Protein backbone atom coordinates (compact mmCIF):
# COMPACT_ATOMS: atom_id res chain seq x y z
CA MET A 1 82.35 10.35 -23.20
CA ASN A 2 79.22 11.94 -24.48
CA PHE A 3 75.88 10.63 -23.20
CA ASP A 4 72.77 10.75 -25.28
CA TRP A 5 70.53 12.08 -22.49
CA GLY A 6 67.54 12.15 -24.78
CA ALA A 7 67.83 8.43 -25.40
CA ILE A 8 68.14 7.75 -21.67
CA LEU A 9 65.51 10.15 -20.32
CA GLY A 10 62.94 9.35 -23.01
CA PRO A 11 62.16 5.81 -21.81
CA ILE A 12 62.36 6.90 -18.16
CA LEU A 13 59.87 9.70 -18.71
CA SER A 14 57.60 7.40 -20.72
CA LEU A 15 57.69 4.79 -17.94
CA ALA A 16 56.97 7.45 -15.32
CA ALA A 17 54.08 8.76 -17.37
CA PHE A 18 52.74 5.23 -17.71
CA PHE A 19 52.77 4.64 -13.93
CA ILE A 20 51.17 8.05 -13.32
CA ILE A 21 48.36 7.25 -15.76
CA VAL A 22 47.85 3.75 -14.30
CA GLY A 23 47.81 5.18 -10.79
CA TYR A 24 45.29 7.85 -11.75
CA ILE A 25 43.03 5.29 -13.45
CA GLY A 26 43.22 3.06 -10.36
CA TYR A 27 42.38 6.05 -8.16
CA ARG A 28 39.35 6.90 -10.29
CA ILE A 29 38.21 3.26 -10.26
CA ARG A 30 38.42 3.13 -6.46
CA ARG A 31 36.48 6.38 -6.22
CA PHE A 32 33.82 5.03 -8.57
CA ARG A 33 33.50 1.73 -6.69
CA HIS A 34 32.78 3.61 -3.47
CA SER A 35 30.19 5.83 -5.11
CA ILE A 36 26.45 4.99 -5.17
CA MET A 37 26.59 4.31 -8.90
CA GLY A 38 29.65 2.11 -8.50
CA GLN A 39 28.01 0.04 -5.78
CA ALA A 40 24.92 -0.39 -7.93
CA VAL A 41 27.02 -1.57 -10.90
CA GLU A 42 28.93 -3.98 -8.65
CA THR A 43 25.66 -5.42 -7.28
CA ILE A 44 24.32 -5.99 -10.78
CA ALA A 45 27.59 -7.64 -11.85
CA LYS A 46 27.52 -10.00 -8.88
CA ALA A 47 23.91 -10.88 -9.61
CA VAL A 48 24.78 -11.73 -13.21
CA VAL A 49 27.82 -13.79 -12.23
CA ASN A 50 25.88 -15.71 -9.58
CA GLY A 51 22.96 -16.28 -11.92
CA ASP A 52 20.81 -14.72 -9.26
CA GLY A 53 19.20 -12.02 -11.35
CA MET A 54 18.05 -10.17 -8.23
CA ILE A 55 18.92 -6.64 -7.19
CA GLU A 56 19.02 -5.36 -3.63
CA GLU A 57 16.18 -2.96 -2.93
CA PRO A 58 16.87 0.52 -1.53
CA GLU A 59 16.51 1.09 2.19
CA TYR A 60 13.46 3.32 1.77
CA THR A 61 11.27 0.24 1.34
CA ALA A 62 11.67 -0.31 5.08
CA LYS A 63 9.74 2.90 5.76
CA PRO A 64 5.93 3.17 5.63
CA ARG A 65 4.49 5.12 2.71
CA SER A 66 3.56 8.75 3.33
CA LEU A 67 -0.13 9.62 3.43
CA SER A 68 -2.16 12.64 2.27
CA SER A 69 -3.73 13.55 5.59
CA MET A 70 -6.61 16.04 5.61
CA ASP A 71 -7.69 15.17 9.16
CA SER A 72 -7.52 18.76 10.37
CA ILE A 73 -10.00 19.82 7.69
CA TYR A 74 -12.48 16.94 7.58
CA ILE A 75 -12.67 15.74 11.20
CA PRO A 76 -14.30 19.01 12.38
CA LYS A 77 -16.85 18.69 9.54
CA LEU A 78 -17.59 15.10 10.48
CA GLU A 79 -17.99 16.01 14.13
CA LYS A 80 -20.47 18.68 13.12
CA ASP A 81 -22.48 16.34 10.85
CA PHE A 82 -22.18 13.33 13.16
CA PRO A 83 -21.49 14.44 16.76
CA GLU A 84 -21.12 10.87 17.98
CA PHE A 85 -18.87 9.71 15.16
CA ASN A 86 -15.66 8.36 16.73
CA TRP A 87 -12.81 8.64 14.23
CA ASN A 88 -10.26 6.95 16.49
CA GLU A 89 -12.51 3.91 16.73
CA TRP A 90 -12.99 3.81 12.98
CA LYS A 91 -9.26 4.05 12.37
CA VAL A 92 -8.87 0.76 14.25
CA ARG A 93 -11.77 -0.80 12.34
CA ILE A 94 -10.39 0.30 8.97
CA GLN A 95 -6.93 -1.07 9.72
CA ASP A 96 -8.49 -4.33 10.88
CA ALA A 97 -10.47 -4.56 7.61
CA VAL A 98 -7.36 -3.84 5.54
CA LEU A 99 -5.38 -6.55 7.35
CA ARG A 100 -8.24 -9.05 7.09
CA ARG A 101 -8.58 -8.33 3.37
CA MET A 102 -4.91 -9.22 2.93
CA GLU A 103 -5.33 -12.31 5.11
CA ALA A 104 -8.44 -13.43 3.20
CA ILE A 105 -6.57 -13.21 -0.11
CA ASP A 106 -3.48 -14.88 1.31
CA GLU A 107 -5.48 -17.72 2.86
CA ARG A 108 -7.92 -17.88 -0.10
CA ASP A 109 -10.73 -17.58 2.45
CA PRO A 110 -13.26 -14.79 1.68
CA GLU A 111 -15.35 -15.86 4.70
CA LEU A 112 -12.90 -13.94 6.87
CA LEU A 113 -14.72 -10.86 5.57
CA SER A 114 -18.25 -12.05 6.25
CA ASP A 115 -19.06 -8.83 8.13
CA HIS A 116 -17.94 -6.77 5.10
CA PRO A 117 -20.03 -8.30 2.28
CA LEU A 118 -18.94 -5.88 -0.46
CA ILE A 119 -15.25 -6.41 0.34
CA LYS A 120 -15.88 -10.15 0.49
CA GLU A 121 -17.30 -10.08 -3.06
CA GLU A 122 -14.27 -8.18 -4.32
CA VAL A 123 -11.89 -10.66 -2.68
CA GLU A 124 -13.78 -13.57 -4.22
CA ARG A 125 -13.27 -12.02 -7.66
CA ILE A 126 -9.57 -11.48 -7.01
CA ILE A 127 -9.06 -15.06 -5.86
CA THR A 128 -10.84 -16.47 -8.90
CA ASN A 129 -9.03 -14.05 -11.25
CA GLU A 130 -12.35 -12.58 -12.33
CA GLY A 131 -11.71 -9.06 -11.04
CA THR A 132 -9.11 -6.42 -11.77
CA GLY A 133 -7.30 -6.64 -8.46
CA VAL A 134 -4.69 -9.12 -9.67
CA LYS A 135 -3.67 -6.76 -12.45
CA ASN A 136 -2.40 -4.31 -9.84
CA LEU A 137 0.63 -6.50 -9.10
CA THR A 138 3.81 -4.53 -9.67
CA TYR A 139 5.60 -7.44 -11.28
CA SER A 140 3.97 -9.92 -13.64
CA GLU A 141 5.55 -12.77 -11.71
CA ASP A 142 4.47 -11.71 -8.22
CA GLU A 143 2.79 -14.34 -6.11
CA LEU A 144 -0.68 -13.31 -4.91
CA GLU A 145 0.16 -13.43 -1.22
CA PHE A 146 0.33 -11.17 1.82
CA LYS A 147 2.77 -12.44 4.45
CA ASN A 148 3.89 -10.64 7.64
CA ARG A 149 1.15 -8.04 7.34
CA HIS A 150 1.34 -4.74 9.23
CA ALA A 151 -0.80 -1.57 9.26
CA TYR A 152 0.82 1.65 10.49
CA ASP A 153 -1.47 4.65 10.21
CA THR A 154 -4.81 5.73 8.75
CA VAL A 155 -5.84 9.23 7.71
CA ILE A 156 -8.79 10.95 6.06
CA PHE A 157 -8.05 12.47 2.68
CA GLY A 158 -11.59 13.21 1.47
CA TYR A 159 -15.20 13.65 2.59
CA ASP A 160 -18.19 13.84 0.23
CA ARG A 161 -21.70 14.71 1.34
CA ASN A 162 -24.50 14.57 -1.20
CA SER A 163 -28.18 13.71 -1.43
CA GLY A 164 -27.58 9.96 -1.63
CA LEU A 165 -24.53 9.06 0.40
CA CYS A 166 -21.95 10.55 2.69
CA THR A 167 -18.53 9.07 1.96
CA ILE A 168 -15.30 9.30 3.94
CA HIS A 169 -12.18 8.50 1.90
CA THR A 170 -9.24 7.19 3.92
CA GLN A 171 -5.68 6.02 3.34
CA THR A 172 -3.85 3.36 5.35
CA SER A 173 -0.11 2.78 5.17
CA ALA A 174 0.72 -0.92 5.39
CA SER A 175 3.41 -3.43 4.52
CA TYR A 176 3.58 -7.12 3.65
CA GLU A 177 5.96 -9.64 2.14
CA ARG A 178 5.57 -11.52 -1.11
CA HIS A 179 7.65 -13.87 -3.26
CA VAL A 180 8.87 -12.38 -6.52
CA LYS A 181 10.67 -14.11 -9.39
CA ALA A 182 11.87 -11.00 -11.17
CA GLY A 183 12.52 -7.38 -10.31
CA ILE A 184 13.74 -6.01 -7.01
CA LYS A 185 13.95 -7.68 -3.62
CA ALA A 186 13.89 -6.11 -0.19
CA ASN A 187 15.23 -8.87 2.03
CA SER A 188 18.15 -11.24 1.77
CA ALA A 189 15.99 -14.18 2.83
CA GLN A 190 15.77 -16.85 0.19
CA GLY A 191 12.26 -17.83 -0.84
CA SER A 192 11.20 -20.73 -3.00
CA ALA A 193 13.44 -21.88 -5.84
CA GLY A 194 14.04 -19.08 -8.32
CA SER A 195 12.30 -16.45 -6.19
CA ARG A 196 12.95 -14.04 -3.37
CA ILE A 197 10.88 -12.50 -0.61
CA ARG A 198 10.20 -8.83 -1.19
CA LYS A 199 8.90 -6.45 1.48
CA ILE A 200 6.33 -4.13 -0.03
CA GLN A 201 5.28 -0.78 1.41
CA SER A 202 1.83 0.10 0.16
CA VAL A 203 -1.21 2.33 0.68
CA PHE A 204 -4.76 1.02 0.92
CA LYS A 205 -7.65 3.36 0.14
CA THR A 206 -10.86 2.69 2.04
CA ASP A 207 -14.31 4.25 1.66
CA LEU A 208 -16.74 4.58 4.58
CA VAL A 209 -20.30 5.29 3.47
CA TYR A 210 -23.43 6.46 5.21
CA VAL A 211 -26.90 6.28 3.66
CA GLN A 212 -28.35 9.78 3.62
CA ASP A 213 -31.23 9.19 1.19
CA ALA A 214 -32.13 5.54 0.68
CA ASP A 215 -34.06 6.26 -2.51
CA LYS A 216 -30.91 7.51 -4.23
CA VAL A 217 -28.59 4.67 -3.21
CA ASP A 218 -27.50 2.06 -5.74
CA SER A 219 -29.73 -1.01 -5.37
CA ARG A 220 -26.70 -3.33 -5.16
CA LEU A 221 -25.43 -1.41 -2.16
CA LYS A 222 -28.77 -1.01 -0.36
CA GLY A 223 -29.21 -4.59 0.80
CA LYS A 224 -25.70 -4.78 2.21
CA MET A 225 -25.48 -1.53 4.14
CA ILE A 226 -25.11 -2.12 7.85
CA GLY A 227 -27.56 0.08 9.76
CA TYR A 228 -29.46 1.05 6.64
CA ASN A 229 -32.78 0.25 8.38
CA CYS A 230 -34.25 1.05 11.80
CA PRO A 231 -33.17 -1.71 14.24
CA ASN A 232 -36.77 -1.97 15.55
CA CYS A 233 -39.21 -1.74 12.63
CA GLY A 234 -36.87 -2.01 9.66
CA ALA A 235 -37.93 1.31 8.15
CA PRO A 236 -35.28 3.17 6.09
CA LEU A 237 -33.31 5.83 7.94
CA LYS A 238 -33.19 8.61 5.35
CA MET A 239 -32.04 11.67 7.25
CA ILE A 240 -28.40 12.42 7.97
CA GLY A 241 -27.55 11.95 11.65
CA VAL A 242 -31.15 10.91 12.46
CA LYS A 243 -31.72 10.22 16.19
CA VAL A 244 -35.30 8.85 16.14
CA CYS A 245 -37.07 6.61 13.61
CA GLU A 246 -39.81 8.67 11.97
CA TYR A 247 -42.04 5.57 11.62
CA CYS A 248 -41.97 3.87 15.05
CA GLY A 249 -40.26 6.46 17.22
CA THR A 250 -37.41 4.17 18.26
CA ALA A 251 -34.39 6.09 19.53
CA ILE A 252 -31.48 5.68 17.15
CA GLU A 253 -28.96 7.43 19.37
CA GLY A 254 -25.93 5.32 20.16
CA VAL A 255 -25.98 3.18 17.01
CA ASN A 256 -24.06 5.54 14.71
CA ILE A 257 -21.31 2.96 14.45
CA LYS A 258 -23.82 0.74 12.62
CA VAL A 259 -24.88 3.47 10.22
CA TRP A 260 -21.45 3.65 8.60
CA THR A 261 -20.00 0.75 6.67
CA ILE A 262 -16.79 -0.05 4.84
CA ASN A 263 -17.80 -0.67 1.25
CA LYS A 264 -14.54 -0.39 -0.70
CA ILE A 265 -10.84 -1.17 -0.18
CA THR A 266 -8.29 -0.77 -2.97
CA GLU A 267 -4.51 -1.01 -2.96
CA ASP A 268 -2.33 1.74 -4.42
CA ARG A 269 1.32 0.67 -4.76
CA ARG A 270 2.42 3.58 -6.91
């Protein structure tokens, strides 16, 4: 009996090739599912199926933002210009102001910033939607809130000294939580209906100013500068690092903390 081996082996080889191809495709699918891209695609698919529309945020949002520290350059200059200037003390004050700014916006209570009148004015504009601060929200559907606020570190990244003002530019890394309705979330906690709670790592830029020449300071700023006048006679203190009032002779030493004031805080979420 003669067997037609071609007729027998053909289907067998075709079936074997089929299983090899299916096995290889399955292997590649498993490899893809375990890859970063595969996990991202799977997360999106689950979100669509569940009608959730939310995507898990990467782990890096749990880490404070990096800062552009120039402390080693500017602190020696500040110590030379203002021997009694205490940067460590001002770091605490700046972080406190940043946290209170967030609290004032969250609570809709600008009076929490009564000792920082310029910041208070800015917060009032944000709350009433008259300023530009609200436009800095990353997502158009963000809630204007600052929950679970934390400040981590503050550094100096600039120092300007001119005939009118001396200004120290600082950065503060901070985080807070906010409800979002669209975009990316950081936590699995469920917020209000149709929204999630997102942890946001941000940087707040703060300016400290010192009046060096009162005649060259903006009139709007003059009346709100803490320590702008002599504590005894009210005369303007025009000289940088002045120790004695040139009008009444009152010693100014020891009140440097009142010469500086926080006059600007802005958030940079980029």
